[in-house]
Amino acid sequence: MTEARDRALLALAREREQLDSVRLSLQRFPPPPRQEPSASSAPPPVPADLPLRYQVVDAINNRVKRLAGPLHGPVKALAGQALAVARTLKRAL
């Protein structure tokens, strides 16, 4: 029982030490100020030297990002995992 408590207290002390070091580094080097979103929420212009298929996919991706908002990241991760599973299944067959 005391060994488990000692391990838990040691782990807690390590976490506190890491937290204190992060706090200290943030005091020394504060994060840059946040920039306000621009008046136009339009995606940045696509360079003309990219192939048309890249321009189309980028435009679709920007539209999906704008419509999905904060859900875009988790949905993108889930889609990547689903694609990896599909590739694995395809190789297995």
PDB file of N, CA and C in Angstrom:
ATOM      1  N   MET A   1       0.822  -1.192   0.000  1.00  0.00           N
ATOM      2  CA  MET A   1       0.000   0.000   0.000  1.00  0.00           C
ATOM      3  C   MET A   1       0.872   1.264   0.000  1.00  0.00           C
ATOM      4  N   THR A   2       1.904   1.274   0.835  1.00  0.00           N
ATOM      5  CA  THR A   2       2.754   2.465   0.891  1.00  0.00           C
ATOM      6  C   THR A   2       3.566   2.624  -0.384  1.00  0.00           C
ATOM      7  N   GLU A   3       3.933   1.499  -1.030  1.00  0.00           N
ATOM      8  CA  GLU A   3       4.691   1.590  -2.278  1.00  0.00           C
ATOM      9  C   GLU A   3       3.834   2.216  -3.374  1.00  0.00           C
ATOM     10  N   ALA A   4       2.575   1.832  -3.424  1.00  0.00           N
ATOM     11  CA  ALA A   4       1.679   2.409  -4.426  1.00  0.00           C
ATOM     12  C   ALA A   4       1.489   3.895  -4.179  1.00  0.00           C
ATOM     13  N   ARG A   5       1.357   4.277  -2.908  1.00  0.00           N
ATOM     14  CA  ARG A   5       1.208   5.698  -2.575  1.00  0.00           C
ATOM     15  C   ARG A   5       2.467   6.466  -2.941  1.00  0.00           C
ATOM     16  N   ASP A   6       3.625   5.869  -2.637  1.00  0.00           N
ATOM     17  CA  ASP A   6       4.891   6.535  -2.959  1.00  0.00           C
ATOM     18  C   ASP A   6       5.054   6.714  -4.469  1.00  0.00           C
ATOM     19  N   ARG A   7       4.665   5.704  -5.251  1.00  0.00           N
ATOM     20  CA  ARG A   7       4.741   5.830  -6.715  1.00  0.00           C
ATOM     21  C   ARG A   7       3.805   6.916  -7.219  1.00  0.00           C
ATOM     22  N   ALA A   8       2.605   6.974  -6.642  1.00  0.00           N
ATOM     23  CA  ALA A   8       1.647   7.999  -7.057  1.00  0.00           C
ATOM     24  C   ALA A   8       2.148   9.389  -6.709  1.00  0.00           C
ATOM     25  N   LEU A   9       2.726   9.538  -5.510  1.00  0.00           N
ATOM     26  CA  LEU A   9       3.255  10.847  -5.115  1.00  0.00           C
ATOM     27  C   LEU A   9       4.444  11.247  -5.979  1.00  0.00           C
ATOM     28  N   LEU A  10       5.284  10.289  -6.348  1.00  0.00           N
ATOM     29  CA  LEU A  10       6.416  10.580  -7.220  1.00  0.00           C
ATOM     30  C   LEU A  10       5.933  11.014  -8.604  1.00  0.00           C
ATOM     31  N   ALA A  11       4.922  10.327  -9.133  1.00  0.00           N
ATOM     32  CA  ALA A  11       4.366  10.711 -10.435  1.00  0.00           C
ATOM     33  C   ALA A  11       3.752  12.098 -10.362  1.00  0.00           C
ATOM     34  N   LEU A  12       3.060  12.394  -9.273  1.00  0.00           N
ATOM     35  CA  LEU A  12       2.464  13.722  -9.101  1.00  0.00           C
ATOM     36  C   LEU A  12       3.543  14.792  -9.024  1.00  0.00           C
ATOM     37  N   ALA A  13       4.635  14.506  -8.314  1.00  0.00           N
ATOM     38  CA  ALA A  13       5.731  15.474  -8.214  1.00  0.00           C
ATOM     39  C   ALA A  13       6.351  15.737  -9.574  1.00  0.00           C
ATOM     40  N   ARG A  14       6.501  14.692 -10.394  1.00  0.00           N
ATOM     41  CA  ARG A  14       7.051  14.881 -11.742  1.00  0.00           C
ATOM     42  C   ARG A  14       6.134  15.745 -12.596  1.00  0.00           C
ATOM     43  N   GLU A  15       4.838  15.488 -12.519  1.00  0.00           N
ATOM     44  CA  GLU A  15       3.880  16.285 -13.299  1.00  0.00           C
ATOM     45  C   GLU A  15       3.902  17.750 -12.858  1.00  0.00           C
ATOM     46  N   ARG A  16       3.977  17.968 -11.545  1.00  0.00           N
ATOM     47  CA  ARG A  16       4.041  19.352 -11.045  1.00  0.00           C
ATOM     48  C   ARG A  16       5.306  20.049 -11.523  1.00  0.00           C
ATOM     49  N   GLU A  17       6.421  19.313 -11.538  1.00  0.00           N
ATOM     50  CA  GLU A  17       7.672  19.902 -12.001  1.00  0.00           C
ATOM     51  C   GLU A  17       7.584  20.279 -13.475  1.00  0.00           C
ATOM     52  N   GLN A  18       6.973  19.411 -14.280  1.00  0.00           N
ATOM     53  CA  GLN A  18       6.798  19.742 -15.700  1.00  0.00           C
ATOM     54  C   GLN A  18       5.895  20.953 -15.864  1.00  0.00           C
ATOM     55  N   LEU A  19       4.809  20.993 -15.108  1.00  0.00           N
ATOM     56  CA  LEU A  19       3.883  22.126 -15.196  1.00  0.00           C
ATOM     57  C   LEU A  19       4.573  23.422 -14.806  1.00  0.00           C
ATOM     58  N   ASP A  20       5.373  23.370 -13.740  1.00  0.00           N
ATOM     59  CA  ASP A  20       6.089  24.575 -13.317  1.00  0.00           C
ATOM     60  C   ASP A  20       7.078  25.034 -14.372  1.00  0.00           C
ATOM     61  N   SER A  21       7.750  24.094 -15.041  1.00  0.00           N
ATOM     62  CA  SER A  21       8.709  24.495 -16.071  1.00  0.00           C
ATOM     63  C   SER A  21       7.996  25.109 -17.276  1.00  0.00           C
ATOM     64  N   VAL A  22       6.824  24.584 -17.609  1.00  0.00           N
ATOM     65  CA  VAL A  22       6.057  25.168 -18.718  1.00  0.00           C
ATOM     66  C   VAL A  22       5.587  26.567 -18.346  1.00  0.00           C
ATOM     67  N   ARG A  23       5.090  26.716 -17.129  1.00  0.00           N
ATOM     68  CA  ARG A  23       4.648  28.049 -16.683  1.00  0.00           C
ATOM     69  C   ARG A  23       5.794  29.048 -16.717  1.00  0.00           C
ATOM     70  N   LEU A  24       6.973  28.618 -16.251  1.00  0.00           N
ATOM     71  CA  LEU A  24       8.127  29.511 -16.242  1.00  0.00           C
ATOM     72  C   LEU A  24       8.534  29.905 -17.656  1.00  0.00           C
ATOM     73  N   SER A  25       8.509  28.942 -18.583  1.00  0.00           N
ATOM     74  CA  SER A  25       8.888  29.277 -19.962  1.00  0.00           C
ATOM     75  C   SER A  25       7.866  30.215 -20.592  1.00  0.00           C
ATOM     76  N   LEU A  26       6.588  30.080 -20.217  1.00  0.00           N
ATOM     77  CA  LEU A  26       5.586  30.990 -20.760  1.00  0.00           C
ATOM     78  C   LEU A  26       5.734  32.390 -20.187  1.00  0.00           C
ATOM     79  N   GLN A  27       6.224  32.492 -18.956  1.00  0.00           N
ATOM     80  CA  GLN A  27       6.448  33.819 -18.377  1.00  0.00           C
ATOM     81  C   GLN A  27       7.631  34.497 -19.060  1.00  0.00           C
ATOM     82  N   ARG A  28       8.660  33.709 -19.370  1.00  0.00           N
ATOM     83  CA  ARG A  28       9.831  34.286 -20.025  1.00  0.00           C
ATOM     84  C   ARG A  28       9.562  34.620 -21.486  1.00  0.00           C
ATOM     85  N   PHE A  29       8.855  33.733 -22.165  1.00  0.00           N
ATOM     86  CA  PHE A  29       8.584  33.895 -23.586  1.00  0.00           C
ATOM     87  C   PHE A  29       7.080  33.810 -23.809  1.00  0.00           C
ATOM     88  N   PRO A  30       6.367  34.908 -23.643  1.00  0.00           N
ATOM     89  CA  PRO A  30       4.912  34.839 -23.823  1.00  0.00           C
ATOM     90  C   PRO A  30       4.558  34.523 -25.276  1.00  0.00           C
ATOM     91  N   PRO A  31       3.411  33.879 -25.488  1.00  0.00           N
ATOM     92  CA  PRO A  31       3.012  33.559 -26.861  1.00  0.00           C
ATOM     93  C   PRO A  31       2.746  34.841 -27.649  1.00  0.00           C
ATOM     94  N   PRO A  32       2.891  34.778 -28.959  1.00  0.00           N
ATOM     95  CA  PRO A  32       2.652  35.976 -29.772  1.00  0.00           C
ATOM     96  C   PRO A  32       1.191  36.392 -29.670  1.00  0.00           C
ATOM     97  N   PRO A  33       0.914  37.668 -29.859  1.00  0.00           N
ATOM     98  CA  PRO A  33      -0.473  38.124 -29.771  1.00  0.00           C
ATOM     99  C   PRO A  33      -1.319  37.502 -30.878  1.00  0.00           C
ATOM    100  N   ARG A  34      -2.578  37.259 -30.553  1.00  0.00           N
ATOM    101  CA  ARG A  34      -3.486  36.676 -31.535  1.00  0.00           C
ATOM    102  C   ARG A  34      -3.871  37.730 -32.567  1.00  0.00           C
ATOM    103  N   GLN A  35      -3.944  37.288 -33.798  1.00  0.00           N
ATOM    104  CA  GLN A  35      -4.367  38.193 -34.857  1.00  0.00           C
ATOM    105  C   GLN A  35      -5.867  38.045 -35.053  1.00  0.00           C
ATOM    106  N   GLU A  36      -6.506  39.155 -35.226  1.00  0.00           N
ATOM    107  CA  GLU A  36      -7.939  39.133 -35.493  1.00  0.00           C
ATOM    108  C   GLU A  36      -8.167  38.591 -36.902  1.00  0.00           C
ATOM    109  N   PRO A  37      -9.251  37.824 -37.092  1.00  0.00           N
ATOM    110  CA  PRO A  37      -9.522  37.331 -38.447  1.00  0.00           C
ATOM    111  C   PRO A  37      -9.740  38.491 -39.405  1.00  0.00           C
ATOM    112  N   SER A  38      -9.339  38.280 -40.624  1.00  0.00           N
ATOM    113  CA  SER A  38      -9.478  39.342 -41.613  1.00  0.00           C
ATOM    114  C   SER A  38     -10.951  39.577 -41.922  1.00  0.00           C
ATOM    115  N   ALA A  39     -11.227  40.718 -42.514  1.00  0.00           N
ATOM    116  CA  ALA A  39     -12.613  41.064 -42.830  1.00  0.00           C
ATOM    117  C   ALA A  39     -13.203  40.072 -43.822  1.00  0.00           C
ATOM    118  N   SER A  40     -12.383  39.570 -44.693  1.00  0.00           N
ATOM    119  CA  SER A  40     -12.854  38.602 -45.674  1.00  0.00           C
ATOM    120  C   SER A  40     -12.452  37.207 -45.224  1.00  0.00           C
ATOM    121  N   SER A  41     -13.403  36.308 -45.121  1.00  0.00           N
ATOM    122  CA  SER A  41     -13.078  34.946 -44.707  1.00  0.00           C
ATOM    123  C   SER A  41     -12.806  34.056 -45.918  1.00  0.00           C
ATOM    124  N   ALA A  42     -12.588  34.666 -47.044  1.00  0.00           N
ATOM    125  CA  ALA A  42     -12.314  33.902 -48.258  1.00  0.00           C
ATOM    126  C   ALA A  42     -10.949  33.241 -48.145  1.00  0.00           C
ATOM    127  N   PRO A  43     -10.793  32.073 -48.722  1.00  0.00           N
ATOM    128  CA  PRO A  43      -9.489  31.410 -48.673  1.00  0.00           C
ATOM    129  C   PRO A  43      -8.460  32.201 -49.464  1.00  0.00           C
ATOM    130  N   PRO A  44      -7.191  32.025 -49.142  1.00  0.00           N
ATOM    131  CA  PRO A  44      -6.163  32.748 -49.876  1.00  0.00           C
ATOM    132  C   PRO A  44      -6.151  32.316 -51.341  1.00  0.00           C
ATOM    133  N   PRO A  45      -5.725  33.204 -52.226  1.00  0.00           N
ATOM    134  CA  PRO A  45      -5.711  32.847 -53.645  1.00  0.00           C
ATOM    135  C   PRO A  45      -4.754  31.692 -53.916  1.00  0.00           C
ATOM    136  N   VAL A  46      -5.119  30.865 -54.853  1.00  0.00           N
ATOM    137  CA  VAL A  46      -4.311  29.707 -55.221  1.00  0.00           C
ATOM    138  C   VAL A  46      -3.344  30.130 -56.314  1.00  0.00           C
ATOM    139  N   PRO A  47      -2.057  29.792 -56.165  1.00  0.00           N
ATOM    140  CA  PRO A  47      -1.114  30.153 -57.228  1.00  0.00           C
ATOM    141  C   PRO A  47      -1.520  29.511 -58.555  1.00  0.00           C
ATOM    142  N   ALA A  48      -1.326  30.237 -59.622  1.00  0.00           N
ATOM    143  CA  ALA A  48      -1.756  29.774 -60.937  1.00  0.00           C
ATOM    144  C   ALA A  48      -0.878  28.643 -61.473  1.00  0.00           C
ATOM    145  N   ASP A  49       0.311  28.443 -60.913  1.00  0.00           N
ATOM    146  CA  ASP A  49       1.191  27.426 -61.461  1.00  0.00           C
ATOM    147  C   ASP A  49       0.854  26.005 -60.988  1.00  0.00           C
ATOM    148  N   LEU A  50      -0.117  25.857 -60.081  1.00  0.00           N
ATOM    149  CA  LEU A  50      -0.534  24.522 -59.661  1.00  0.00           C
ATOM    150  C   LEU A  50      -1.446  23.905 -60.712  1.00  0.00           C
ATOM    151  N   PRO A  51      -1.408  22.576 -60.858  1.00  0.00           N
ATOM    152  CA  PRO A  51      -2.328  21.930 -61.795  1.00  0.00           C
ATOM    153  C   PRO A  51      -3.780  22.163 -61.371  1.00  0.00           C
ATOM    154  N   LEU A  52      -4.670  22.102 -62.324  1.00  0.00           N
ATOM    155  CA  LEU A  52      -6.078  22.387 -62.069  1.00  0.00           C
ATOM    156  C   LEU A  52      -6.658  21.458 -61.011  1.00  0.00           C
ATOM    157  N   ARG A  53      -6.265  20.182 -61.009  1.00  0.00           N
ATOM    158  CA  ARG A  53      -6.837  19.243 -60.032  1.00  0.00           C
ATOM    159  C   ARG A  53      -6.488  19.666 -58.608  1.00  0.00           C
ATOM    160  N   TYR A  54      -5.285  20.217 -58.394  1.00  0.00           N
ATOM    161  CA  TYR A  54      -4.913  20.685 -57.064  1.00  0.00           C
ATOM    162  C   TYR A  54      -5.730  21.927 -56.691  1.00  0.00           C
ATOM    163  N   GLN A  55      -5.934  22.802 -57.649  1.00  0.00           N
ATOM    164  CA  GLN A  55      -6.721  23.994 -57.372  1.00  0.00           C
ATOM    165  C   GLN A  55      -8.148  23.628 -56.983  1.00  0.00           C
ATOM    166  N   VAL A  56      -8.733  22.644 -57.678  1.00  0.00           N
ATOM    167  CA  VAL A  56     -10.103  22.228 -57.387  1.00  0.00           C
ATOM    168  C   VAL A  56     -10.182  21.590 -56.007  1.00  0.00           C
ATOM    169  N   VAL A  57      -9.250  20.693 -55.703  1.00  0.00           N
ATOM    170  CA  VAL A  57      -9.266  20.017 -54.401  1.00  0.00           C
ATOM    171  C   VAL A  57      -9.028  21.020 -53.279  1.00  0.00           C
ATOM    172  N   ASP A  58      -8.124  21.972 -53.474  1.00  0.00           N
ATOM    173  CA  ASP A  58      -7.897  22.992 -52.456  1.00  0.00           C
ATOM    174  C   ASP A  58      -9.143  23.838 -52.212  1.00  0.00           C
ATOM    175  N   ALA A  59      -9.832  24.197 -53.279  1.00  0.00           N
ATOM    176  CA  ALA A  59     -11.059  24.981 -53.125  1.00  0.00           C
ATOM    177  C   ALA A  59     -12.119  24.188 -52.361  1.00  0.00           C
ATOM    178  N   ILE A  60     -12.252  22.903 -52.680  1.00  0.00           N
ATOM    179  CA  ILE A  60     -13.231  22.063 -51.964  1.00  0.00           C
ATOM    180  C   ILE A  60     -12.840  21.936 -50.495  1.00  0.00           C
ATOM    181  N   ASN A  61     -11.556  21.709 -50.238  1.00  0.00           N
ATOM    182  CA  ASN A  61     -11.091  21.561 -48.859  1.00  0.00           C
ATOM    183  C   ASN A  61     -11.322  22.846 -48.059  1.00  0.00           C
ATOM    184  N   ASN A  62     -11.049  23.986 -48.655  1.00  0.00           N
ATOM    185  CA  ASN A  62     -11.288  25.256 -47.957  1.00  0.00           C
ATOM    186  C   ASN A  62     -12.765  25.453 -47.654  1.00  0.00           C
ATOM    187  N   ARG A  63     -13.622  25.074 -48.582  1.00  0.00           N
ATOM    188  CA  ARG A  63     -15.061  25.199 -48.360  1.00  0.00           C
ATOM    189  C   ARG A  63     -15.511  24.281 -47.222  1.00  0.00           C
ATOM    190  N   VAL A  64     -14.995  23.043 -47.224  1.00  0.00           N
ATOM    191  CA  VAL A  64     -15.356  22.091 -46.160  1.00  0.00           C
ATOM    192  C   VAL A  64     -14.861  22.598 -44.810  1.00  0.00           C
ATOM    193  N   LYS A  65     -13.653  23.133 -44.761  1.00  0.00           N
ATOM    194  CA  LYS A  65     -13.125  23.678 -43.514  1.00  0.00           C
ATOM    195  C   LYS A  65     -14.018  24.794 -42.988  1.00  0.00           C
ATOM    196  N   ARG A  66     -14.442  25.671 -43.878  1.00  0.00           N
ATOM    197  CA  ARG A  66     -15.262  26.798 -43.465  1.00  0.00           C
ATOM    198  C   ARG A  66     -16.630  26.330 -42.976  1.00  0.00           C
ATOM    199  N   LEU A  67     -17.208  25.348 -43.660  1.00  0.00           N
ATOM    200  CA  LEU A  67     -18.533  24.876 -43.273  1.00  0.00           C
ATOM    201  C   LEU A  67     -18.488  24.011 -42.014  1.00  0.00           C
ATOM    202  N   ALA A  68     -17.467  23.180 -41.874  1.00  0.00           N
ATOM    203  CA  ALA A  68     -17.404  22.256 -40.738  1.00  0.00           C
ATOM    204  C   ALA A  68     -16.908  22.934 -39.467  1.00  0.00           C
ATOM    205  N   GLY A  69     -16.133  23.988 -39.608  1.00  0.00           N
ATOM    206  CA  GLY A  69     -15.631  24.694 -38.432  1.00  0.00           C
ATOM    207  C   GLY A  69     -14.751  23.809 -37.563  1.00  0.00           C
ATOM    208  N   PRO A  70     -15.046  23.746 -36.261  1.00  0.00           N
ATOM    209  CA  PRO A  70     -14.198  22.983 -35.357  1.00  0.00           C
ATOM    210  C   PRO A  70     -14.279  21.466 -35.558  1.00  0.00           C
ATOM    211  N   LEU A  71     -15.252  20.985 -36.286  1.00  0.00           N
ATOM    212  CA  LEU A  71     -15.366  19.549 -36.527  1.00  0.00           C
ATOM    213  C   LEU A  71     -14.432  19.063 -37.626  1.00  0.00           C
ATOM    214  N   HIS A  72     -13.814  19.977 -38.357  1.00  0.00           N
ATOM    215  CA  HIS A  72     -12.987  19.591 -39.496  1.00  0.00           C
ATOM    216  C   HIS A  72     -11.822  18.696 -39.073  1.00  0.00           C
ATOM    217  N   GLY A  73     -11.137  19.043 -37.989  1.00  0.00           N
ATOM    218  CA  GLY A  73      -9.982  18.261 -37.539  1.00  0.00           C
ATOM    219  C   GLY A  73     -10.343  16.825 -37.184  1.00  0.00           C
ATOM    220  N   PRO A  74     -11.318  16.616 -36.286  1.00  0.00           N
ATOM    221  CA  PRO A  74     -11.686  15.231 -35.959  1.00  0.00           C
ATOM    222  C   PRO A  74     -12.225  14.447 -37.153  1.00  0.00           C
ATOM    223  N   VAL A  75     -12.990  15.095 -38.011  1.00  0.00           N
ATOM    224  CA  VAL A  75     -13.528  14.396 -39.186  1.00  0.00           C
ATOM    225  C   VAL A  75     -12.391  14.006 -40.127  1.00  0.00           C
ATOM    226  N   LYS A  76     -11.404  14.883 -40.284  1.00  0.00           N
ATOM    227  CA  LYS A  76     -10.262  14.580 -41.145  1.00  0.00           C
ATOM    228  C   LYS A  76      -9.465  13.410 -40.573  1.00  0.00           C
ATOM    229  N   ALA A  77      -9.271  13.397 -39.254  1.00  0.00           N
ATOM    230  CA  ALA A  77      -8.544  12.294 -38.624  1.00  0.00           C
ATOM    231  C   ALA A  77      -9.306  10.982 -38.791  1.00  0.00           C
ATOM    232  N   LEU A  78     -10.617  11.024 -38.613  1.00  0.00           N
ATOM    233  CA  LEU A  78     -11.433   9.820 -38.768  1.00  0.00           C
ATOM    234  C   LEU A  78     -11.386   9.312 -40.206  1.00  0.00           C
ATOM    235  N   ALA A  79     -11.429  10.227 -41.165  1.00  0.00           N
ATOM    236  CA  ALA A  79     -11.358   9.828 -42.568  1.00  0.00           C
ATOM    237  C   ALA A  79      -9.997   9.200 -42.881  1.00  0.00           C
ATOM    238  N   GLY A  80      -8.936   9.735 -42.316  1.00  0.00           N
ATOM    239  CA  GLY A  80      -7.609   9.164 -42.526  1.00  0.00           C
ATOM    240  C   GLY A  80      -7.502   7.762 -41.955  1.00  0.00           C
ATOM    241  N   GLN A  81      -8.095   7.557 -40.772  1.00  0.00           N
ATOM    242  CA  GLN A  81      -8.071   6.221 -40.172  1.00  0.00           C
ATOM    243  C   GLN A  81      -8.897   5.242 -40.998  1.00  0.00           C
ATOM    244  N   ALA A  82     -10.052   5.697 -41.485  1.00  0.00           N
ATOM    245  CA  ALA A  82     -10.898   4.829 -42.306  1.00  0.00           C
ATOM    246  C   ALA A  82     -10.167   4.444 -43.594  1.00  0.00           C
ATOM    247  N   LEU A  83      -9.447   5.389 -44.177  1.00  0.00           N
ATOM    248  CA  LEU A  83      -8.691   5.104 -45.391  1.00  0.00           C
ATOM    249  C   LEU A  83      -7.576   4.091 -45.111  1.00  0.00           C
ATOM    250  N   ALA A  84      -6.912   4.233 -43.970  1.00  0.00           N
ATOM    251  CA  ALA A  84      -5.854   3.281 -43.607  1.00  0.00           C
ATOM    252  C   ALA A  84      -6.428   1.881 -43.415  1.00  0.00           C
ATOM    253  N   VAL A  85      -7.598   1.780 -42.782  1.00  0.00           N
ATOM    254  CA  VAL A  85      -8.241   0.465 -42.599  1.00  0.00           C
ATOM    255  C   VAL A  85      -8.619  -0.115 -43.943  1.00  0.00           C
ATOM    256  N   ALA A  86      -9.166   0.708 -44.838  1.00  0.00           N
ATOM    257  CA  ALA A  86      -9.552   0.235 -46.152  1.00  0.00           C
ATOM    258  C   ALA A  86      -8.346  -0.289 -46.938  1.00  0.00           C
ATOM    259  N   ARG A  87      -7.225   0.413 -46.838  1.00  0.00           N
ATOM    260  CA  ARG A  87      -6.005  -0.037 -47.533  1.00  0.00           C
ATOM    261  C   ARG A  87      -5.528  -1.359 -46.962  1.00  0.00           C
ATOM    262  N   THR A  88      -5.587  -1.499 -45.628  1.00  0.00           N
ATOM    263  CA  THR A  88      -5.175  -2.748 -44.993  1.00  0.00           C
ATOM    264  C   THR A  88      -6.060  -3.906 -45.444  1.00  0.00           C
ATOM    265  N   LEU A  89      -7.367  -3.666 -45.471  1.00  0.00           N
ATOM    266  CA  LEU A  89      -8.297  -4.700 -45.911  1.00  0.00           C
ATOM    267  C   LEU A  89      -8.071  -5.067 -47.377  1.00  0.00           C
ATOM    268  N   LYS A  90      -7.772  -4.065 -48.194  1.00  0.00           N
ATOM    269  CA  LYS A  90      -7.535  -4.326 -49.610  1.00  0.00           C
ATOM    270  C   LYS A  90      -6.292  -5.202 -49.795  1.00  0.00           C
ATOM    271  N   ARG A  91      -5.259  -4.939 -49.012  1.00  0.00           N
ATOM    272  CA  ARG A  91      -4.035  -5.740 -49.117  1.00  0.00           C
ATOM    273  C   ARG A  91      -4.267  -7.169 -48.619  1.00  0.00           C
ATOM    274  N   ALA A  92      -5.138  -7.310 -47.630  1.00  0.00           N
ATOM    275  CA  ALA A  92      -5.398  -8.631 -47.065  1.00  0.00           C
ATOM    276  C   ALA A  92      -6.196  -9.518 -48.009  1.00  0.00           C
ATOM    277  N   LEU A  93      -6.957  -8.900 -48.890  1.00  0.00           N
ATOM    278  CA  LEU A  93      -7.785  -9.688 -49.817  1.00  0.00           C
ATOM    279  C   LEU A  93      -7.054 -10.056 -51.050  1.00  0.00           C
TER     280      LEU A  93
END
